[in-house]
Each structure stands twice: as structure tokens, then as C-alpha cells.
Amino acid sequence: MQMILKYKSLTNWVFTDNPMYAFYNDLIVPPEIAVISYKRINSGDLTFTKMLAILNKYHPEQVILTRWTTQIKSEKSLMDYINANYSITYTNSIKTEEHYVLKNLSKVLNHL
């Protein structure tokens, strides 16, 4: 939560597999991922290709992974995009929770 708050003033969109993190901080997520459930993923309603399209469409300033971290990290195209455009700011000891910010966002914050 501290990392989310650190970048809150520079954030328009948050891409997260657990929207409560955004909502608790009065931030918004793209409507397409406001509800991410096992049913949506397992039925193919929300695919990794769609997630990548959401990242490209909204260019969220923060990415927070807490529920589907293993699955998302195993998807090469998603991780290639995230690694190319974001800097990791936090990962827990077992690497199941991660926080990223747009690469230029951390530079902006350092200049404030």
C-alpha cells in the first residue's frame, strides 16, 4: 500500500489483478479488469492477450500483481511489455506480490 500511495499523485490508471488495492487508494482500474475472477480467466473471457491490449490502451502508471502473479509472469508477451515499460518497486520474499511503475514515473517523482 505504501508504494501505491507514493505514486498516487502521478497515477491515472492502475492495472491490477486485485482491484481492491486501487479502490482503497481512490484510484481507478480499466473497466475491463474491474472484476477479475477464476470464471473469467478459465472461460477465456479475460485472456492474456486482452490484458496486454488493456495495458496498451490505458498505459496505467502502476501495475500491481497479487492474485494471478504466477500466471501473469509465465506469459512472455505480458512480461516483455511490463519489463520494457515499467520498473519494479516491490516484490515480496516469495515473489507472489509485485508492484511496478511506469519507467518515467519514478524519474518524475525523484525530481519533485
PDB file of N, CA and C in Angstrom:
ATOM      1  N   MET A   1       0.814  -1.193   0.000  1.00  0.00           N
ATOM      2  CA  MET A   1       0.000   0.000   0.000  1.00  0.00           C
ATOM      3  C   MET A   1       0.863   1.265   0.000  1.00  0.00           C
ATOM      4  N   GLN A   2       2.007   1.210   0.662  1.00  0.00           N
ATOM      5  CA  GLN A   2       2.874   2.381   0.717  1.00  0.00           C
ATOM      6  C   GLN A   2       3.390   2.761  -0.665  1.00  0.00           C
ATOM      7  N   MET A   3       3.694   1.775  -1.497  1.00  0.00           N
ATOM      8  CA  MET A   3       4.189   2.069  -2.834  1.00  0.00           C
ATOM      9  C   MET A   3       3.081   2.678  -3.685  1.00  0.00           C
ATOM     10  N   ILE A   4       1.869   2.218  -3.520  1.00  0.00           N
ATOM     11  CA  ILE A   4       0.745   2.766  -4.272  1.00  0.00           C
ATOM     12  C   ILE A   4       0.559   4.236  -3.897  1.00  0.00           C
ATOM     13  N   LEU A   5       0.596   4.510  -2.613  1.00  0.00           N
ATOM     14  CA  LEU A   5       0.438   5.885  -2.135  1.00  0.00           C
ATOM     15  C   LEU A   5       1.576   6.787  -2.604  1.00  0.00           C
ATOM     16  N   LYS A   6       2.770   6.255  -2.654  1.00  0.00           N
ATOM     17  CA  LYS A   6       3.936   7.045  -3.071  1.00  0.00           C
ATOM     18  C   LYS A   6       3.725   7.634  -4.464  1.00  0.00           C
ATOM     19  N   TYR A   7       3.101   6.887  -5.353  1.00  0.00           N
ATOM     20  CA  TYR A   7       2.913   7.310  -6.739  1.00  0.00           C
ATOM     21  C   TYR A   7       1.483   7.766  -7.038  1.00  0.00           C
ATOM     22  N   LYS A   8       0.644   7.839  -6.038  1.00  0.00           N
ATOM     23  CA  LYS A   8      -0.777   8.154  -6.241  1.00  0.00           C
ATOM     24  C   LYS A   8      -0.987   9.475  -6.974  1.00  0.00           C
ATOM     25  N   SER A   9      -0.273  10.507  -6.613  1.00  0.00           N
ATOM     26  CA  SER A   9      -0.496  11.824  -7.222  1.00  0.00           C
ATOM     27  C   SER A   9      -0.138  11.846  -8.706  1.00  0.00           C
ATOM     28  N   LEU A  10       0.621  10.863  -9.167  1.00  0.00           N
ATOM     29  CA  LEU A  10       1.024  10.785 -10.567  1.00  0.00           C
ATOM     30  C   LEU A  10       0.280   9.692 -11.323  1.00  0.00           C
ATOM     31  N   THR A  11      -0.769   9.155 -10.712  1.00  0.00           N
ATOM     32  CA  THR A  11      -1.453   7.986 -11.272  1.00  0.00           C
ATOM     33  C   THR A  11      -2.859   8.313 -11.749  1.00  0.00           C
ATOM     34  N   ASN A  12      -3.126   7.928 -12.991  1.00  0.00           N
ATOM     35  CA  ASN A  12      -4.483   7.985 -13.527  1.00  0.00           C
ATOM     36  C   ASN A  12      -5.122   6.607 -13.509  1.00  0.00           C
ATOM     37  N   TRP A  13      -4.358   5.593 -13.890  1.00  0.00           N
ATOM     38  CA  TRP A  13      -4.863   4.226 -14.015  1.00  0.00           C
ATOM     39  C   TRP A  13      -3.963   3.249 -13.280  1.00  0.00           C
ATOM     40  N   VAL A  14      -4.581   2.206 -12.732  1.00  0.00           N
ATOM     41  CA  VAL A  14      -3.851   1.108 -12.092  1.00  0.00           C
ATOM     42  C   VAL A  14      -4.286  -0.196 -12.759  1.00  0.00           C
ATOM     43  N   PHE A  15      -3.321  -0.962 -13.228  1.00  0.00           N
ATOM     44  CA  PHE A  15      -3.592  -2.302 -13.746  1.00  0.00           C
ATOM     45  C   PHE A  15      -3.291  -3.261 -12.607  1.00  0.00           C
ATOM     46  N   THR A  16      -4.308  -3.991 -12.157  1.00  0.00           N
ATOM     47  CA  THR A  16      -4.103  -4.904 -11.043  1.00  0.00           C
ATOM     48  C   THR A  16      -5.043  -6.097 -11.139  1.00  0.00           C
ATOM     49  N   ASP A  17      -4.566  -7.214 -10.632  1.00  0.00           N
ATOM     50  CA  ASP A  17      -5.412  -8.403 -10.562  1.00  0.00           C
ATOM     51  C   ASP A  17      -6.203  -8.436  -9.259  1.00  0.00           C
ATOM     52  N   ASN A  18      -6.047  -7.411  -8.449  1.00  0.00           N
ATOM     53  CA  ASN A  18      -6.793  -7.275  -7.195  1.00  0.00           C
ATOM     54  C   ASN A  18      -7.229  -5.811  -7.060  1.00  0.00           C
ATOM     55  N   PRO A  19      -8.347  -5.439  -7.696  1.00  0.00           N
ATOM     56  CA  PRO A  19      -8.764  -4.038  -7.746  1.00  0.00           C
ATOM     57  C   PRO A  19      -8.965  -3.362  -6.393  1.00  0.00           C
ATOM     58  N   MET A  20      -9.096  -4.121  -5.331  1.00  0.00           N
ATOM     59  CA  MET A  20      -9.282  -3.502  -4.016  1.00  0.00           C
ATOM     60  C   MET A  20      -8.103  -2.598  -3.653  1.00  0.00           C
ATOM     61  N   TYR A  21      -6.904  -2.937  -4.100  1.00  0.00           N
ATOM     62  CA  TYR A  21      -5.758  -2.069  -3.822  1.00  0.00           C
ATOM     63  C   TYR A  21      -5.979  -0.680  -4.415  1.00  0.00           C
ATOM     64  N   ALA A  22      -6.483  -0.633  -5.617  1.00  0.00           N
ATOM     65  CA  ALA A  22      -6.760   0.659  -6.251  1.00  0.00           C
ATOM     66  C   ALA A  22      -7.918   1.369  -5.556  1.00  0.00           C
ATOM     67  N   PHE A  23      -9.002   0.656  -5.307  1.00  0.00           N
ATOM     68  CA  PHE A  23     -10.183   1.268  -4.705  1.00  0.00           C
ATOM     69  C   PHE A  23      -9.893   1.825  -3.315  1.00  0.00           C
ATOM     70  N   TYR A  24      -9.117   1.113  -2.503  1.00  0.00           N
ATOM     71  CA  TYR A  24      -8.770   1.600  -1.169  1.00  0.00           C
ATOM     72  C   TYR A  24      -7.962   2.893  -1.229  1.00  0.00           C
ATOM     73  N   ASN A  25      -7.317   3.121  -2.349  1.00  0.00           N
ATOM     74  CA  ASN A  25      -6.498   4.321  -2.512  1.00  0.00           C
ATOM     75  C   ASN A  25      -7.149   5.359  -3.421  1.00  0.00           C
ATOM     76  N   ASP A  26      -8.446   5.194  -3.679  1.00  0.00           N
ATOM     77  CA  ASP A  26      -9.200   6.123  -4.529  1.00  0.00           C
ATOM     78  C   ASP A  26      -8.577   6.277  -5.917  1.00  0.00           C
ATOM     79  N   LEU A  27      -8.113   5.180  -6.465  1.00  0.00           N
ATOM     80  CA  LEU A  27      -7.581   5.148  -7.821  1.00  0.00           C
ATOM     81  C   LEU A  27      -8.487   4.264  -8.664  1.00  0.00           C
ATOM     82  N   ILE A  28      -8.380   4.398  -9.965  1.00  0.00           N
ATOM     83  CA  ILE A  28      -9.264   3.630 -10.837  1.00  0.00           C
ATOM     84  C   ILE A  28      -8.491   2.603 -11.657  1.00  0.00           C
ATOM     85  N   VAL A  29      -9.205   1.546 -11.991  1.00  0.00           N
ATOM     86  CA  VAL A  29      -8.662   0.499 -12.858  1.00  0.00           C
ATOM     87  C   VAL A  29      -9.432   0.547 -14.173  1.00  0.00           C
ATOM     88  N   PRO A  30      -8.827   0.082 -15.252  1.00  0.00           N
ATOM     89  CA  PRO A  30      -9.583  -0.006 -16.503  1.00  0.00           C
ATOM     90  C   PRO A  30     -10.844  -0.835 -16.286  1.00  0.00           C
ATOM     91  N   PRO A  31     -11.969  -0.406 -16.840  1.00  0.00           N
ATOM     92  CA  PRO A  31     -13.232  -1.113 -16.601  1.00  0.00           C
ATOM     93  C   PRO A  31     -13.184  -2.591 -16.986  1.00  0.00           C
ATOM     94  N   GLU A  32     -12.387  -2.914 -17.974  1.00  0.00           N
ATOM     95  CA  GLU A  32     -12.294  -4.302 -18.432  1.00  0.00           C
ATOM     96  C   GLU A  32     -11.734  -5.256 -17.376  1.00  0.00           C
ATOM     97  N   ILE A  33     -11.026  -4.702 -16.393  1.00  0.00           N
ATOM     98  CA  ILE A  33     -10.454  -5.560 -15.348  1.00  0.00           C
ATOM     99  C   ILE A  33     -10.962  -5.199 -13.959  1.00  0.00           C
ATOM    100  N   ALA A  34     -12.090  -4.506 -13.887  1.00  0.00           N
ATOM    101  CA  ALA A  34     -12.664  -4.159 -12.586  1.00  0.00           C
ATOM    102  C   ALA A  34     -13.036  -5.410 -11.799  1.00  0.00           C
ATOM    103  N   VAL A  35     -13.370  -6.476 -12.519  1.00  0.00           N
ATOM    104  CA  VAL A  35     -13.667  -7.765 -11.897  1.00  0.00           C
ATOM    105  C   VAL A  35     -12.850  -8.828 -12.616  1.00  0.00           C
ATOM    106  N   ILE A  36     -11.896  -9.385 -11.906  1.00  0.00           N
ATOM    107  CA  ILE A  36     -11.109 -10.495 -12.448  1.00  0.00           C
ATOM    108  C   ILE A  36     -11.428 -11.704 -11.583  1.00  0.00           C
ATOM    109  N   SER A  37     -11.984 -12.716 -12.207  1.00  0.00           N
ATOM    110  CA  SER A  37     -12.380 -13.908 -11.465  1.00  0.00           C
ATOM    111  C   SER A  37     -11.829 -15.153 -12.154  1.00  0.00           C
ATOM    112  N   TYR A  38     -11.839 -16.256 -11.389  1.00  0.00           N
ATOM    113  CA  TYR A  38     -11.454 -17.544 -11.977  1.00  0.00           C
ATOM    114  C   TYR A  38     -12.328 -17.842 -13.189  1.00  0.00           C
ATOM    115  N   LYS A  39     -13.623 -17.538 -13.060  1.00  0.00           N
ATOM    116  CA  LYS A  39     -14.553 -17.823 -14.145  1.00  0.00           C
ATOM    117  C   LYS A  39     -14.184 -17.061 -15.418  1.00  0.00           C
ATOM    118  N   ARG A  40     -13.854 -15.800 -15.293  1.00  0.00           N
ATOM    119  CA  ARG A  40     -13.484 -15.006 -16.477  1.00  0.00           C
ATOM    120  C   ARG A  40     -12.203 -15.528 -17.123  1.00  0.00           C
ATOM    121  N   ILE A  41     -11.246 -15.895 -16.300  1.00  0.00           N
ATOM    122  CA  ILE A  41      -9.979 -16.387 -16.856  1.00  0.00           C
ATOM    123  C   ILE A  41     -10.158 -17.783 -17.436  1.00  0.00           C
ATOM    124  N   ASN A  42     -10.778 -18.675 -16.678  1.00  0.00           N
ATOM    125  CA  ASN A  42     -10.931 -20.061 -17.132  1.00  0.00           C
ATOM    126  C   ASN A  42     -11.862 -20.198 -18.331  1.00  0.00           C
ATOM    127  N   SER A  43     -12.826 -19.304 -18.475  1.00  0.00           N
ATOM    128  CA  SER A  43     -13.745 -19.371 -19.609  1.00  0.00           C
ATOM    129  C   SER A  43     -13.150 -18.746 -20.866  1.00  0.00           C
ATOM    130  N   GLY A  44     -12.034 -18.027 -20.707  1.00  0.00           N
ATOM    131  CA  GLY A  44     -11.437 -17.356 -21.853  1.00  0.00           C
ATOM    132  C   GLY A  44     -11.990 -15.961 -22.087  1.00  0.00           C
ATOM    133  N   ASP A  45     -12.875 -15.496 -21.198  1.00  0.00           N
ATOM    134  CA  ASP A  45     -13.416 -14.147 -21.329  1.00  0.00           C
ATOM    135  C   ASP A  45     -12.325 -13.094 -21.134  1.00  0.00           C
ATOM    136  N   LEU A  46     -11.398 -13.358 -20.234  1.00  0.00           N
ATOM    137  CA  LEU A  46     -10.270 -12.455 -19.999  1.00  0.00           C
ATOM    138  C   LEU A  46      -8.990 -13.240 -20.255  1.00  0.00           C
ATOM    139  N   THR A  47      -8.392 -13.005 -21.397  1.00  0.00           N
ATOM    140  CA  THR A  47      -7.172 -13.710 -21.793  1.00  0.00           C
ATOM    141  C   THR A  47      -5.959 -12.824 -21.548  1.00  0.00           C
ATOM    142  N   PHE A  48      -4.789 -13.422 -21.641  1.00  0.00           N
ATOM    143  CA  PHE A  48      -3.562 -12.645 -21.512  1.00  0.00           C
ATOM    144  C   PHE A  48      -3.420 -11.679 -22.680  1.00  0.00           C
ATOM    145  N   THR A  49      -3.922 -12.051 -23.831  1.00  0.00           N
ATOM    146  CA  THR A  49      -3.911 -11.151 -24.988  1.00  0.00           C
ATOM    147  C   THR A  49      -4.762  -9.915 -24.692  1.00  0.00           C
ATOM    148  N   LYS A  50      -5.919 -10.112 -24.060  1.00  0.00           N
ATOM    149  CA  LYS A  50      -6.770  -8.978 -23.685  1.00  0.00           C
ATOM    150  C   LYS A  50      -6.094  -8.118 -22.623  1.00  0.00           C
ATOM    151  N   MET A  51      -5.404  -8.758 -21.684  1.00  0.00           N
ATOM    152  CA  MET A  51      -4.693  -7.993 -20.659  1.00  0.00           C
ATOM    153  C   MET A  51      -3.623  -7.107 -21.297  1.00  0.00           C
ATOM    154  N   LEU A  52      -2.911  -7.656 -22.267  1.00  0.00           N
ATOM    155  CA  LEU A  52      -1.889  -6.878 -22.967  1.00  0.00           C
ATOM    156  C   LEU A  52      -2.533  -5.714 -23.718  1.00  0.00           C
ATOM    157  N   ALA A  53      -3.675  -5.952 -24.334  1.00  0.00           N
ATOM    158  CA  ALA A  53      -4.387  -4.885 -25.041  1.00  0.00           C
ATOM    159  C   ALA A  53      -4.819  -3.786 -24.059  1.00  0.00           C
ATOM    160  N   ILE A  54      -5.225  -4.172 -22.857  1.00  0.00           N
ATOM    161  CA  ILE A  54      -5.613  -3.203 -21.833  1.00  0.00           C
ATOM    162  C   ILE A  54      -4.407  -2.356 -21.425  1.00  0.00           C
ATOM    163  N   LEU A  55      -3.271  -2.992 -21.231  1.00  0.00           N
ATOM    164  CA  LEU A  55      -2.052  -2.243 -20.903  1.00  0.00           C
ATOM    165  C   LEU A  55      -1.718  -1.248 -22.011  1.00  0.00           C
ATOM    166  N   ASN A  56      -1.821  -1.680 -23.253  1.00  0.00           N
ATOM    167  CA  ASN A  56      -1.524  -0.801 -24.388  1.00  0.00           C
ATOM    168  C   ASN A  56      -2.532   0.331 -24.518  1.00  0.00           C
ATOM    169  N   LYS A  57      -3.775   0.074 -24.206  1.00  0.00           N
ATOM    170  CA  LYS A  57      -4.834   1.076 -24.346  1.00  0.00           C
ATOM    171  C   LYS A  57      -4.754   2.159 -23.274  1.00  0.00           C
ATOM    172  N   TYR A  58      -4.566   1.759 -22.022  1.00  0.00           N
ATOM    173  CA  TYR A  58      -4.638   2.699 -20.906  1.00  0.00           C
ATOM    174  C   TYR A  58      -3.281   3.206 -20.424  1.00  0.00           C
ATOM    175  N   HIS A  59      -2.224   2.496 -20.694  1.00  0.00           N
ATOM    176  CA  HIS A  59      -0.886   2.849 -20.198  1.00  0.00           C
ATOM    177  C   HIS A  59      -0.924   3.204 -18.713  1.00  0.00           C
ATOM    178  N   PRO A  60      -1.408   2.269 -17.883  1.00  0.00           N
ATOM    179  CA  PRO A  60      -1.531   2.580 -16.447  1.00  0.00           C
ATOM    180  C   PRO A  60      -0.173   2.916 -15.838  1.00  0.00           C
ATOM    181  N   GLU A  61      -0.200   3.858 -14.929  1.00  0.00           N
ATOM    182  CA  GLU A  61       1.043   4.278 -14.284  1.00  0.00           C
ATOM    183  C   GLU A  61       1.551   3.256 -13.283  1.00  0.00           C
ATOM    184  N   GLN A  62       0.648   2.442 -12.723  1.00  0.00           N
ATOM    185  CA  GLN A  62       1.051   1.425 -11.756  1.00  0.00           C
ATOM    186  C   GLN A  62       0.486   0.065 -12.159  1.00  0.00           C
ATOM    187  N   VAL A  63       1.275  -0.967 -11.907  1.00  0.00           N
ATOM    188  CA  VAL A  63       0.849  -2.356 -12.099  1.00  0.00           C
ATOM    189  C   VAL A  63       1.059  -3.067 -10.773  1.00  0.00           C
ATOM    190  N   ILE A  64      -0.001  -3.699 -10.273  1.00  0.00           N
ATOM    191  CA  ILE A  64       0.063  -4.417  -9.002  1.00  0.00           C
ATOM    192  C   ILE A  64      -0.409  -5.844  -9.238  1.00  0.00           C
ATOM    193  N   LEU A  65       0.440  -6.800  -8.923  1.00  0.00           N
ATOM    194  CA  LEU A  65       0.100  -8.215  -9.076  1.00  0.00           C
ATOM    195  C   LEU A  65       0.088  -8.865  -7.708  1.00  0.00           C
ATOM    196  N   THR A  66      -1.058  -9.492  -7.367  1.00  0.00           N
ATOM    197  CA  THR A  66      -1.147 -10.160  -6.061  1.00  0.00           C
ATOM    198  C   THR A  66      -1.876 -11.495  -6.124  1.00  0.00           C
ATOM    199  N   ARG A  67      -2.786 -11.662  -7.086  1.00  0.00           N
ATOM    200  CA  ARG A  67      -3.589 -12.885  -7.136  1.00  0.00           C
ATOM    201  C   ARG A  67      -3.149 -13.822  -8.254  1.00  0.00           C
ATOM    202  N   TRP A  68      -2.862 -13.281  -9.411  1.00  0.00           N
ATOM    203  CA  TRP A  68      -2.539 -14.065 -10.605  1.00  0.00           C
ATOM    204  C   TRP A  68      -1.080 -13.887 -10.994  1.00  0.00           C
ATOM    205  N   THR A  69      -0.241 -13.555 -10.042  1.00  0.00           N
ATOM    206  CA  THR A  69       1.155 -13.235 -10.312  1.00  0.00           C
ATOM    207  C   THR A  69       1.866 -14.346 -11.071  1.00  0.00           C
ATOM    208  N   THR A  70       1.743 -15.575 -10.608  1.00  0.00           N
ATOM    209  CA  THR A  70       2.432 -16.693 -11.253  1.00  0.00           C
ATOM    210  C   THR A  70       1.978 -16.865 -12.692  1.00  0.00           C
ATOM    211  N   GLN A  71       0.667 -16.795 -12.915  1.00  0.00           N
ATOM    212  CA  GLN A  71       0.139 -16.962 -14.265  1.00  0.00           C
ATOM    213  C   GLN A  71       0.576 -15.815 -15.175  1.00  0.00           C
ATOM    214  N   ILE A  72       0.483 -14.598 -14.691  1.00  0.00           N
ATOM    215  CA  ILE A  72       0.864 -13.438 -15.498  1.00  0.00           C
ATOM    216  C   ILE A  72       2.351 -13.461 -15.799  1.00  0.00           C
ATOM    217  N   LYS A  73       3.160 -13.783 -14.790  1.00  0.00           N
ATOM    218  CA  LYS A  73       4.605 -13.816 -15.006  1.00  0.00           C
ATOM    219  C   LYS A  73       5.033 -14.937 -15.951  1.00  0.00           C
ATOM    220  N   SER A  74       4.189 -15.947 -16.112  1.00  0.00           N
ATOM    221  CA  SER A  74       4.532 -17.036 -17.033  1.00  0.00           C
ATOM    222  C   SER A  74       4.157 -16.700 -18.476  1.00  0.00           C
ATOM    223  N   GLU A  75       3.443 -15.609 -18.678  1.00  0.00           N
ATOM    224  CA  GLU A  75       3.039 -15.183 -20.018  1.00  0.00           C
ATOM    225  C   GLU A  75       4.095 -14.231 -20.584  1.00  0.00           C
ATOM    226  N   LYS A  76       4.878 -14.722 -21.510  1.00  0.00           N
ATOM    227  CA  LYS A  76       6.032 -13.978 -22.041  1.00  0.00           C
ATOM    228  C   LYS A  76       5.653 -12.612 -22.606  1.00  0.00           C
ATOM    229  N   SER A  77       4.592 -12.539 -23.398  1.00  0.00           N
ATOM    230  CA  SER A  77       4.251 -11.258 -24.032  1.00  0.00           C
ATOM    231  C   SER A  77       3.879 -10.199 -22.994  1.00  0.00           C
ATOM    232  N   LEU A  78       3.167 -10.590 -21.951  1.00  0.00           N
ATOM    233  CA  LEU A  78       2.828  -9.641 -20.890  1.00  0.00           C
ATOM    234  C   LEU A  78       4.075  -9.179 -20.149  1.00  0.00           C
ATOM    235  N   MET A  79       4.915 -10.109 -19.790  1.00  0.00           N
ATOM    236  CA  MET A  79       6.114  -9.744 -19.035  1.00  0.00           C
ATOM    237  C   MET A  79       7.106  -8.959 -19.887  1.00  0.00           C
ATOM    238  N   ASP A  80       7.180  -9.268 -21.171  1.00  0.00           N
ATOM    239  CA  ASP A  80       8.034  -8.466 -22.056  1.00  0.00           C
ATOM    240  C   ASP A  80       7.564  -7.018 -22.068  1.00  0.00           C
ATOM    241  N   TYR A  81       6.244  -6.830 -22.159  1.00  0.00           N
ATOM    242  CA  TYR A  81       5.688  -5.475 -22.151  1.00  0.00           C
ATOM    243  C   TYR A  81       5.959  -4.790 -20.815  1.00  0.00           C
ATOM    244  N   ILE A  82       5.675  -5.479 -19.727  1.00  0.00           N
ATOM    245  CA  ILE A  82       5.879  -4.892 -18.401  1.00  0.00           C
ATOM    246  C   ILE A  82       7.352  -4.560 -18.189  1.00  0.00           C
ATOM    247  N   ASN A  83       8.239  -5.467 -18.509  1.00  0.00           N
ATOM    248  CA  ASN A  83       9.671  -5.219 -18.305  1.00  0.00           C
ATOM    249  C   ASN A  83      10.199  -4.093 -19.187  1.00  0.00           C
ATOM    250  N   ALA A  84       9.628  -3.922 -20.364  1.00  0.00           N
ATOM    251  CA  ALA A  84      10.078  -2.865 -21.266  1.00  0.00           C
ATOM    252  C   ALA A  84       9.588  -1.483 -20.832  1.00  0.00           C
ATOM    253  N   ASN A  85       8.440  -1.434 -20.165  1.00  0.00           N
ATOM    254  CA  ASN A  85       7.809  -0.150 -19.877  1.00  0.00           C
ATOM    255  C   ASN A  85       7.726   0.233 -18.409  1.00  0.00           C
ATOM    256  N   TYR A  86       7.999  -0.702 -17.519  1.00  0.00           N
ATOM    257  CA  TYR A  86       7.827  -0.471 -16.087  1.00  0.00           C
ATOM    258  C   TYR A  86       9.078  -0.837 -15.312  1.00  0.00           C
ATOM    259  N   SER A  87       9.206  -0.213 -14.152  1.00  0.00           N
ATOM    260  CA  SER A  87      10.264  -0.553 -13.199  1.00  0.00           C
ATOM    261  C   SER A  87       9.617  -1.213 -12.001  1.00  0.00           C
ATOM    262  N   ILE A  88      10.214  -2.281 -11.527  1.00  0.00           N
ATOM    263  CA  ILE A  88       9.669  -2.942 -10.343  1.00  0.00           C
ATOM    264  C   ILE A  88      10.097  -2.155  -9.112  1.00  0.00           C
ATOM    265  N   THR A  89       9.143  -1.904  -8.218  1.00  0.00           N
ATOM    266  CA  THR A  89       9.446  -1.154  -6.999  1.00  0.00           C
ATOM    267  C   THR A  89       9.339  -2.021  -5.751  1.00  0.00           C
ATOM    268  N   TYR A  90       8.622  -3.143  -5.878  1.00  0.00           N
ATOM    269  CA  TYR A  90       8.435  -4.012  -4.719  1.00  0.00           C
ATOM    270  C   TYR A  90       8.149  -5.433  -5.181  1.00  0.00           C
ATOM    271  N   THR A  91       8.721  -6.378  -4.466  1.00  0.00           N
ATOM    272  CA  THR A  91       8.339  -7.782  -4.586  1.00  0.00           C
ATOM    273  C   THR A  91       8.484  -8.400  -3.211  1.00  0.00           C
ATOM    274  N   ASN A  92       7.534  -9.242  -2.824  1.00  0.00           N
ATOM    275  CA  ASN A  92       7.656  -9.880  -1.516  1.00  0.00           C
ATOM    276  C   ASN A  92       8.672 -11.019  -1.600  1.00  0.00           C
ATOM    277  N   SER A  93       9.000 -11.601  -0.480  1.00  0.00           N
ATOM    278  CA  SER A  93      10.075 -12.595  -0.432  1.00  0.00           C
ATOM    279  C   SER A  93       9.787 -13.848  -1.248  1.00  0.00           C
ATOM    280  N   ILE A  94       8.513 -14.175  -1.448  1.00  0.00           N
ATOM    281  CA  ILE A  94       8.195 -15.377  -2.236  1.00  0.00           C
ATOM    282  C   ILE A  94       7.721 -15.027  -3.654  1.00  0.00           C
ATOM    283  N   LYS A  95       7.870 -13.754  -4.007  1.00  0.00           N
ATOM    284  CA  LYS A  95       7.584 -13.256  -5.355  1.00  0.00           C
ATOM    285  C   LYS A  95       6.153 -13.512  -5.824  1.00  0.00           C
ATOM    286  N   THR A  96       5.211 -13.435  -4.887  1.00  0.00           N
ATOM    287  CA  THR A  96       3.802 -13.585  -5.257  1.00  0.00           C
ATOM    288  C   THR A  96       3.089 -12.237  -5.314  1.00  0.00           C
ATOM    289  N   GLU A  97       3.739 -11.201  -4.822  1.00  0.00           N
ATOM    290  CA  GLU A  97       3.186  -9.853  -4.883  1.00  0.00           C
ATOM    291  C   GLU A  97       4.250  -8.937  -5.466  1.00  0.00           C
ATOM    292  N   GLU A  98       3.839  -8.164  -6.487  1.00  0.00           N
ATOM    293  CA  GLU A  98       4.794  -7.260  -7.124  1.00  0.00           C
ATOM    294  C   GLU A  98       4.118  -5.950  -7.463  1.00  0.00           C
ATOM    295  N   HIS A  99       4.910  -4.883  -7.431  1.00  0.00           N
ATOM    296  CA  HIS A  99       4.426  -3.547  -7.771  1.00  0.00           C
ATOM    297  C   HIS A  99       5.394  -2.946  -8.782  1.00  0.00           C
ATOM    298  N   TYR A 100       4.828  -2.379  -9.839  1.00  0.00           N
ATOM    299  CA  TYR A 100       5.613  -1.747 -10.895  1.00  0.00           C
ATOM    300  C   TYR A 100       5.075  -0.348 -11.142  1.00  0.00           C
ATOM    301  N   VAL A 101       5.939   0.544 -11.602  1.00  0.00           N
ATOM    302  CA  VAL A 101       5.513   1.866 -12.057  1.00  0.00           C
ATOM    303  C   VAL A 101       6.116   2.122 -13.427  1.00  0.00           C
ATOM    304  N   LEU A 102       5.442   2.969 -14.202  1.00  0.00           N
ATOM    305  CA  LEU A 102       5.996   3.356 -15.494  1.00  0.00           C
ATOM    306  C   LEU A 102       7.412   3.865 -15.290  1.00  0.00           C
ATOM    307  N   LYS A 103       8.300   3.525 -16.185  1.00  0.00           N
ATOM    308  CA  LYS A 103       9.707   3.890 -16.016  1.00  0.00           C
ATOM    309  C   LYS A 103       9.899   5.387 -15.843  1.00  0.00           C
ATOM    310  N   ASN A 104       9.195   6.207 -16.608  1.00  0.00           N
ATOM    311  CA  ASN A 104       9.376   7.651 -16.465  1.00  0.00           C
ATOM    312  C   ASN A 104       8.726   8.210 -15.210  1.00  0.00           C
ATOM    313  N   LEU A 105       7.809   7.468 -14.595  1.00  0.00           N
ATOM    314  CA  LEU A 105       7.133   7.938 -13.393  1.00  0.00           C
ATOM    315  C   LEU A 105       8.088   8.054 -12.209  1.00  0.00           C
ATOM    316  N   SER A 106       8.960   7.077 -12.049  1.00  0.00           N
ATOM    317  CA  SER A 106       9.913   7.141 -10.938  1.00  0.00           C
ATOM    318  C   SER A 106      10.881   8.308 -11.122  1.00  0.00           C
ATOM    319  N   LYS A 107      11.213   8.644 -12.366  1.00  0.00           N
ATOM    320  CA  LYS A 107      12.088   9.800 -12.630  1.00  0.00           C
ATOM    321  C   LYS A 107      11.381  11.091 -12.266  1.00  0.00           C
ATOM    322  N   VAL A 108      10.107  11.189 -12.606  1.00  0.00           N
ATOM    323  CA  VAL A 108       9.329  12.385 -12.287  1.00  0.00           C
ATOM    324  C   VAL A 108       9.263  12.584 -10.778  1.00  0.00           C
ATOM    325  N   LEU A 109       8.974  11.503 -10.054  1.00  0.00           N
ATOM    326  CA  LEU A 109       8.864  11.593  -8.602  1.00  0.00           C
ATOM    327  C   LEU A 109      10.180  12.030  -7.969  1.00  0.00           C
ATOM    328  N   ASN A 110      11.281  11.553  -8.506  1.00  0.00           N
ATOM    329  CA  ASN A 110      12.590  11.928  -7.958  1.00  0.00           C
ATOM    330  C   ASN A 110      12.917  13.403  -8.169  1.00  0.00           C
ATOM    331  N   HIS A 111      12.272  14.028  -9.146  1.00  0.00           N
ATOM    332  CA  HIS A 111      12.524  15.448  -9.421  1.00  0.00           C
ATOM    333  C   HIS A 111      11.579  16.387  -8.681  1.00  0.00           C
ATOM    334  N   LEU A 112      10.605  15.817  -7.998  1.00  0.00           N
ATOM    335  CA  LEU A 112       9.641  16.675  -7.253  1.00  0.00           C
ATOM    336  C   LEU A 112      10.188  17.066  -5.910  1.00  0.00           C
TER     337      LEU A 112
END
